[in-house]
C-alpha atoms as a PDB file:
ATOM      1  CA  UNK A   1       0.000   0.000   0.000  1.00  0.00           C
ATOM      2  CA  UNK A   2       1.252   3.463  -0.826  1.00  0.00           C
ATOM      3  CA  UNK A   3       0.776   6.566   1.318  1.00  0.00           C
ATOM      4  CA  UNK A   4      -2.406   7.659  -0.459  1.00  0.00           C
ATOM      5  CA  UNK A   5      -3.993   4.215  -0.048  1.00  0.00           C
ATOM      6  CA  UNK A   6      -3.115   4.083   3.664  1.00  0.00           C
ATOM      7  CA  UNK A   7      -4.672   7.506   4.283  1.00  0.00           C
ATOM      8  CA  UNK A   8      -7.794   6.525   2.322  1.00  0.00           C
ATOM      9  CA  UNK A   9      -8.170   3.274   4.286  1.00  0.00           C
ATOM     10  CA  UNK A  10      -7.748   5.068   7.627  1.00  0.00           C
ATOM     11  CA  UNK A  11     -10.455   7.575   6.653  1.00  0.00           C
ATOM     12  CA  UNK A  12     -12.789   4.760   5.565  1.00  0.00           C
ATOM     13  CA  UNK A  13     -12.342   2.982   8.910  1.00  0.00           C
ATOM     14  CA  UNK A  14     -13.155   6.146  10.863  1.00  0.00           C
ATOM     15  CA  UNK A  15     -16.261   6.814   8.740  1.00  0.00           C
ATOM     16  CA  UNK A  16     -17.353   3.191   9.150  1.00  0.00           C
ATOM     17  CA  UNK A  17     -16.940   3.271  12.926  1.00  0.00           C
ATOM     18  CA  UNK A  18     -18.742   6.617  13.190  1.00  0.00           C
ATOM     19  CA  UNK A  19     -21.623   5.130  11.201  1.00  0.00           C
ATOM     20  CA  UNK A  20     -21.646   2.132  13.552  1.00  0.00           C
ATOM     21  CA  UNK A  21     -21.913   4.345  16.636  1.00  0.00           C
ATOM     22  CA  UNK A  22     -24.887   6.129  15.066  1.00  0.00           C
ATOM     23  CA  UNK A  23     -26.813   2.823  15.005  1.00  0.00           C
ATOM     24  CA  UNK A  24     -27.061   3.154  18.791  1.00  0.00           C
ATOM     25  CA  UNK A  25     -29.610   5.946  18.416  1.00  0.00           C
ATOM     26  CA  UNK A  26     -32.244   3.356  17.496  1.00  0.00           C
ATOM     27  CA  UNK A  27     -31.095   0.907  20.190  1.00  0.00           C
ATOM     28  CA  UNK A  28     -31.886   3.046  23.229  1.00  0.00           C
ATOM     29  CA  UNK A  29     -35.120   1.742  24.773  1.00  0.00           C
ATOM     30  CA  UNK A  30     -36.978   1.291  28.058  1.00  0.00           C
ATOM     31  CA  UNK A  31     -34.336  -1.156  29.301  1.00  0.00           C
ATOM     32  CA  UNK A  32     -31.809   1.673  29.183  1.00  0.00           C
ATOM     33  CA  UNK A  33     -34.097   3.635  31.515  1.00  0.00           C
ATOM     34  CA  UNK A  34     -34.508   0.636  33.852  1.00  0.00           C
ATOM     35  CA  UNK A  35     -30.750   0.122  34.024  1.00  0.00           C
ATOM     36  CA  UNK A  36     -30.096   3.806  34.726  1.00  0.00           C
ATOM     37  CA  UNK A  37     -32.655   3.781  37.547  1.00  0.00           C
ATOM     38  CA  UNK A  38     -31.136   0.627  39.056  1.00  0.00           C
ATOM     39  CA  UNK A  39     -27.716   2.269  39.029  1.00  0.00           C
ATOM     40  CA  UNK A  40     -29.106   5.514  40.428  1.00  0.00           C
ATOM     41  CA  UNK A  41     -30.715   3.645  43.350  1.00  0.00           C
ATOM     42  CA  UNK A  42     -27.711   1.414  44.022  1.00  0.00           C
ATOM     43  CA  UNK A  43     -26.812   1.439  47.734  1.00  0.00           C
ATOM     44  CA  UNK A  44     -23.411  -0.157  47.204  1.00  0.00           C
ATOM     45  CA  UNK A  45     -21.073   0.074  44.248  1.00  0.00           C
ATOM     46  CA  UNK A  46     -21.693  -0.373  40.561  1.00  0.00           C
ATOM     47  CA  UNK A  47     -19.262  -3.133  39.588  1.00  0.00           C
ATOM     48  CA  UNK A  48     -18.316  -3.500  35.925  1.00  0.00           C
ATOM     49  CA  UNK A  49     -16.785  -6.575  34.326  1.00  0.00           C
ATOM     50  CA  UNK A  50     -15.949  -8.198  31.004  1.00  0.00           C
ATOM     51  CA  UNK A  51     -13.331 -10.397  29.341  1.00  0.00           C
ATOM     52  CA  UNK A  52     -10.842  -9.600  26.600  1.00  0.00           C
ATOM     53  CA  UNK A  53     -11.592  -6.311  24.854  1.00  0.00           C
ATOM     54  CA  UNK A  54     -14.782  -6.061  26.916  1.00  0.00           C
ATOM     55  CA  UNK A  55     -12.559  -5.907  30.017  1.00  0.00           C
ATOM     56  CA  UNK A  56     -10.942  -2.750  28.622  1.00  0.00           C
ATOM     57  CA  UNK A  57     -14.369  -1.248  27.871  1.00  0.00           C
ATOM     58  CA  UNK A  58     -15.487  -2.224  31.399  1.00  0.00           C
ATOM     59  CA  UNK A  59     -12.465  -0.459  32.916  1.00  0.00           C
ATOM     60  CA  UNK A  60     -13.282   2.708  30.987  1.00  0.00           C
ATOM     61  CA  UNK A  61     -16.950   2.557  31.976  1.00  0.00           C
ATOM     62  CA  UNK A  62     -16.177   2.028  35.667  1.00  0.00           C
ATOM     63  CA  UNK A  63     -13.812   5.004  35.638  1.00  0.00           C
ATOM     64  CA  UNK A  64     -16.234   7.332  33.850  1.00  0.00           C
ATOM     65  CA  UNK A  65     -19.162   6.342  36.067  1.00  0.00           C
ATOM     66  CA  UNK A  66     -17.116   7.338  39.113  1.00  0.00           C
ATOM     67  CA  UNK A  67     -16.020  10.561  37.426  1.00  0.00           C
ATOM     68  CA  UNK A  68     -19.709  11.329  36.759  1.00  0.00           C
ATOM     69  CA  UNK A  69     -20.774  10.747  40.371  1.00  0.00           C
ATOM     70  CA  UNK A  70     -21.773   7.062  40.381  1.00  0.00           C
ATOM     71  CA  UNK A  71     -19.385   5.120  42.672  1.00  0.00           C
ATOM     72  CA  UNK A  72     -18.065   2.341  40.472  1.00  0.00           C
ATOM     73  CA  UNK A  73     -15.243  -0.197  40.352  1.00  0.00           C
ATOM     74  CA  UNK A  74     -13.833  -2.598  37.769  1.00  0.00           C
ATOM     75  CA  UNK A  75     -14.003  -6.220  38.904  1.00  0.00           C
ATOM     76  CA  UNK A  76     -11.811  -8.688  37.013  1.00  0.00           C
ATOM     77  CA  UNK A  77     -13.951 -11.580  35.766  1.00  0.00           C
ATOM     78  CA  UNK A  78     -11.004 -13.982  35.669  1.00  0.00           C
ATOM     79  CA  UNK A  79      -9.919 -13.145  39.201  1.00  0.00           C
ATOM     80  CA  UNK A  80     -13.505 -13.572  40.386  1.00  0.00           C
ATOM     81  CA  UNK A  81     -12.963 -17.337  40.208  1.00  0.00           C
ATOM     82  CA  UNK A  82      -9.994 -16.993  42.537  1.00  0.00           C
ATOM     83  CA  UNK A  83     -11.645 -15.156  45.411  1.00  0.00           C
ATOM     84  CA  UNK A  84     -12.324 -11.669  44.050  1.00  0.00           C
ATOM     85  CA  UNK A  85     -16.041 -12.452  43.762  1.00  0.00           C
ATOM     86  CA  UNK A  86     -16.070 -12.139  47.558  1.00  0.00           C
ATOM     87  CA  UNK A  87     -16.219  -8.371  46.958  1.00  0.00           C
ATOM     88  CA  UNK A  88     -19.799  -8.574  45.620  1.00  0.00           C
ATOM     89  CA  UNK A  89     -22.601  -7.739  48.058  1.00  0.00           C
ATOM     90  CA  UNK A  90     -26.389  -7.588  47.921  1.00  0.00           C
ATOM     91  CA  UNK A  91     -26.185  -3.788  47.738  1.00  0.00           C
ATOM     92  CA  UNK A  92     -24.213  -3.809  44.483  1.00  0.00           C
ATOM     93  CA  UNK A  93     -25.175  -3.590  40.833  1.00  0.00           C
ATOM     94  CA  UNK A  94     -23.026  -5.687  38.504  1.00  0.00           C
ATOM     95  CA  UNK A  95     -22.743  -4.627  34.864  1.00  0.00           C
ATOM     96  CA  UNK A  96     -21.354  -7.370  32.631  1.00  0.00           C
ATOM     97  CA  UNK A  97     -20.178  -6.884  29.057  1.00  0.00           C
ATOM     98  CA  UNK A  98     -20.069  -9.875  26.722  1.00  0.00           C
ATOM     99  CA  UNK A  99     -20.863  -9.699  23.018  1.00  0.00           C
ATOM    100  CA  UNK A 100     -22.103 -13.281  22.798  1.00  0.00           C
ATOM    101  CA  UNK A 101     -23.071 -13.672  26.447  1.00  0.00           C
ATOM    102  CA  UNK A 102     -21.107 -16.897  26.738  1.00  0.00           C
ATOM    103  CA  UNK A 103     -17.839 -15.905  28.469  1.00  0.00           C
ATOM    104  CA  UNK A 104     -17.496 -18.488  31.232  1.00  0.00           C
ATOM    105  CA  UNK A 105     -15.692 -16.223  33.707  1.00  0.00           C
ATOM    106  CA  UNK A 106     -18.265 -13.449  33.267  1.00  0.00           C
ATOM    107  CA  UNK A 107     -21.107 -15.951  33.691  1.00  0.00           C
ATOM    108  CA  UNK A 108     -19.466 -17.276  36.874  1.00  0.00           C
ATOM    109  CA  UNK A 109     -19.305 -13.772  38.316  1.00  0.00           C
ATOM    110  CA  UNK A 110     -22.929 -13.060  37.330  1.00  0.00           C
ATOM    111  CA  UNK A 111     -24.039 -16.272  39.058  1.00  0.00           C
ATOM    112  CA  UNK A 112     -22.231 -15.305  42.259  1.00  0.00           C
ATOM    113  CA  UNK A 113     -23.745 -11.819  42.126  1.00  0.00           C
ATOM    114  CA  UNK A 114     -27.262 -13.245  41.695  1.00  0.00           C
ATOM    115  CA  UNK A 115     -26.748 -15.685  44.582  1.00  0.00           C
ATOM    116  CA  UNK A 116     -25.727 -12.753  46.815  1.00  0.00           C
ATOM    117  CA  UNK A 117     -28.812 -10.747  45.925  1.00  0.00           C
ATOM    118  CA  UNK A 118     -27.000  -8.200  43.741  1.00  0.00           C
ATOM    119  CA  UNK A 119     -28.641  -6.730  40.640  1.00  0.00           C
ATOM    120  CA  UNK A 120     -27.161  -7.917  37.336  1.00  0.00           C
ATOM    121  CA  UNK A 121     -27.251  -5.840  34.154  1.00  0.00           C
ATOM    122  CA  UNK A 122     -25.767  -7.273  30.975  1.00  0.00           C
ATOM    123  CA  UNK A 123     -24.664  -5.495  27.823  1.00  0.00           C
ATOM    124  CA  UNK A 124     -24.737  -8.102  25.056  1.00  0.00           C
ATOM    125  CA  UNK A 125     -25.914  -8.836  21.549  1.00  0.00           C
ATOM    126  CA  UNK A 126     -27.577 -12.044  22.758  1.00  0.00           C
ATOM    127  CA  UNK A 127     -30.377 -11.560  25.324  1.00  0.00           C
ATOM    128  CA  UNK A 128     -31.184 -15.268  24.944  1.00  0.00           C
ATOM    129  CA  UNK A 129     -27.654 -16.251  26.057  1.00  0.00           C
ATOM    130  CA  UNK A 130     -26.835 -17.778  29.432  1.00  0.00           C
ATOM    131  CA  UNK A 131     -25.609 -14.392  30.644  1.00  0.00           C
ATOM    132  CA  UNK A 132     -28.763 -12.714  29.382  1.00  0.00           C
ATOM    133  CA  UNK A 133     -30.953 -15.201  31.231  1.00  0.00           C
ATOM    134  CA  UNK A 134     -29.035 -14.529  34.463  1.00  0.00           C
ATOM    135  CA  UNK A 135     -29.580 -10.782  34.177  1.00  0.00           C
ATOM    136  CA  UNK A 136     -32.245  -8.595  35.748  1.00  0.00           C
ATOM    137  CA  UNK A 137     -32.003  -6.270  32.746  1.00  0.00           C
ATOM    138  CA  UNK A 138     -30.456  -6.940  29.346  1.00  0.00           C
ATOM    139  CA  UNK A 139     -29.138  -4.007  27.342  1.00  0.00           C
ATOM    140  CA  UNK A 140     -29.081  -5.353  23.819  1.00  0.00           C
ATOM    141  CA  UNK A 141     -26.318  -3.595  21.902  1.00  0.00           C
ATOM    142  CA  UNK A 142     -25.728  -4.845  18.361  1.00  0.00           C
ATOM    143  CA  UNK A 143     -22.747  -3.654  16.348  1.00  0.00           C
ATOM    144  CA  UNK A 144     -22.780  -3.804  12.535  1.00  0.00           C
ATOM    145  CA  UNK A 145     -20.678  -6.886  11.637  1.00  0.00           C
ATOM    146  CA  UNK A 146     -18.636  -5.024   9.041  1.00  0.00           C
ATOM    147  CA  UNK A 147     -17.290  -2.743  11.781  1.00  0.00           C
ATOM    148  CA  UNK A 148     -14.768  -5.342  13.000  1.00  0.00           C
ATOM    149  CA  UNK A 149     -11.901  -6.867  10.943  1.00  0.00           C
ATOM    150  CA  UNK A 150     -12.784 -10.498  10.105  1.00  0.00           C
ATOM    151  CA  UNK A 151     -16.034  -9.820  11.982  1.00  0.00           C
ATOM    152  CA  UNK A 152     -14.143 -10.833  15.131  1.00  0.00           C
ATOM    153  CA  UNK A 153     -11.551  -8.219  16.154  1.00  0.00           C
ATOM    154  CA  UNK A 154     -13.526  -5.860  18.415  1.00  0.00           C
ATOM    155  CA  UNK A 155     -12.505  -2.473  17.006  1.00  0.00           C
ATOM    156  CA  UNK A 156     -15.813  -0.921  15.986  1.00  0.00           C
ATOM    157  CA  UNK A 157     -17.940  -2.990  18.382  1.00  0.00           C
ATOM    158  CA  UNK A 158     -15.876  -1.962  21.412  1.00  0.00           C
ATOM    159  CA  UNK A 159     -16.288   1.678  20.372  1.00  0.00           C
ATOM    160  CA  UNK A 160     -20.063   1.177  20.150  1.00  0.00           C
ATOM    161  CA  UNK A 161     -20.180  -0.365  23.643  1.00  0.00           C
ATOM    162  CA  UNK A 162     -18.053   2.503  24.962  1.00  0.00           C
ATOM    163  CA  UNK A 163     -20.441   5.064  23.468  1.00  0.00           C
ATOM    164  CA  UNK A 164     -23.439   3.260  24.983  1.00  0.00           C
ATOM    165  CA  UNK A 165     -21.672   3.405  28.349  1.00  0.00           C
ATOM    166  CA  UNK A 166     -21.029   7.123  27.864  1.00  0.00           C
ATOM    167  CA  UNK A 167     -24.762   7.663  27.458  1.00  0.00           C
ATOM    168  CA  UNK A 168     -25.368   5.883  30.773  1.00  0.00           C
ATOM    169  CA  UNK A 169     -22.700   8.002  32.501  1.00  0.00           C
ATOM    170  CA  UNK A 170     -24.074  11.338  31.345  1.00  0.00           C
ATOM    171  CA  UNK A 171     -27.703  10.378  31.991  1.00  0.00           C
ATOM    172  CA  UNK A 172     -26.774   9.376  35.556  1.00  0.00           C
ATOM    173  CA  UNK A 173     -24.811  12.608  36.017  1.00  0.00           C
ATOM    174  CA  UNK A 174     -27.967  14.551  35.090  1.00  0.00           C
ATOM    175  CA  UNK A 175     -30.273  12.370  37.214  1.00  0.00           C
ATOM    176  CA  UNK A 176     -28.065  12.908  40.261  1.00  0.00           C
ATOM    177  CA  UNK A 177     -27.768  16.639  39.709  1.00  0.00           C
ATOM    178  CA  UNK A 178     -23.993  16.110  39.943  1.00  0.00           C
ATOM    179  CA  UNK A 179     -22.378  19.539  40.018  1.00  0.00           C
ATOM    180  CA  UNK A 180     -19.116  20.908  38.699  1.00  0.00           C
ATOM    181  CA  UNK A 181     -18.133  21.590  42.316  1.00  0.00           C
ATOM    182  CA  UNK A 182     -18.680  17.939  43.245  1.00  0.00           C
ATOM    183  CA  UNK A 183     -16.671  16.874  40.218  1.00  0.00           C
ATOM    184  CA  UNK A 184     -13.869  19.238  41.208  1.00  0.00           C
ATOM    185  CA  UNK A 185     -13.621  17.644  44.648  1.00  0.00           C
ATOM    186  CA  UNK A 186     -12.596  14.333  43.084  1.00  0.00           C
ATOM    187  CA  UNK A 187     -10.578  15.603  40.109  1.00  0.00           C
ATOM    188  CA  UNK A 188      -8.091  18.229  41.341  1.00  0.00           C
ATOM    189  CA  UNK A 189      -5.170  16.871  39.308  1.00  0.00           C
ATOM    190  CA  UNK A 190      -3.753  17.458  35.849  1.00  0.00           C
ATOM    191  CA  UNK A 191      -4.915  19.912  33.213  1.00  0.00           C
ATOM    192  CA  UNK A 192      -8.531  19.421  34.327  1.00  0.00           C
ATOM    193  CA  UNK A 193      -7.633  20.402  37.875  1.00  0.00           C
ATOM    194  CA  UNK A 194      -5.803  23.491  36.594  1.00  0.00           C
ATOM    195  CA  UNK A 195      -8.850  24.509  34.548  1.00  0.00           C
ATOM    196  CA  UNK A 196     -11.115  24.065  37.581  1.00  0.00           C
ATOM    197  CA  UNK A 197      -8.688  26.117  39.650  1.00  0.00           C
ATOM    198  CA  UNK A 198      -8.744  28.903  37.058  1.00  0.00           C
ATOM    199  CA  UNK A 199     -12.558  28.833  37.216  1.00  0.00           C
ATOM    200  CA  UNK A 200     -12.355  29.112  41.034  1.00  0.00           C
ATOM    201  CA  UNK A 201     -14.162  25.766  41.348  1.00  0.00           C
ATOM    202  CA  UNK A 202     -11.423  24.277  43.552  1.00  0.00           C
END
């Protein structure tokens, strides 16, 4: 490939992924509202988990939820089979991410959460999967198959799941009435902290 072809391909990928994210507009439904309300009313922590690329999306979601005023932590699905699942309590909400809903470590964690009385929310393409059946609410998120190389490498689909999570974060921020002052109390560092300082927020 020459330079012109590489640039053209890169632009095509970005356009394709942007188009994929736009499909989410028609995928927001009443289950989104139910999930947001469950998270809003959570008395413990919102725990987020996934395997593979979904683990990376889960980490991002857990961080942004906390940044937006919803106390949240990443819980490693693999480590949950080696004692970490002891962290789950009846007061928690567990969000699991699994495209096919068949990741054994994620299913194990969901089973433990259900047995403890926690609320389980799954983000998956397969509501009929084992994970979907274990869940109190299923957030069906379907990514266009052409968005991922070979239909398997989760480039576009992980971006779509991340955008769906962003919508949850911002909706919860609004529902809580989370203020810039509250945000400043937990984010005094870096360029953001400097900007808040300049605004006399912190």
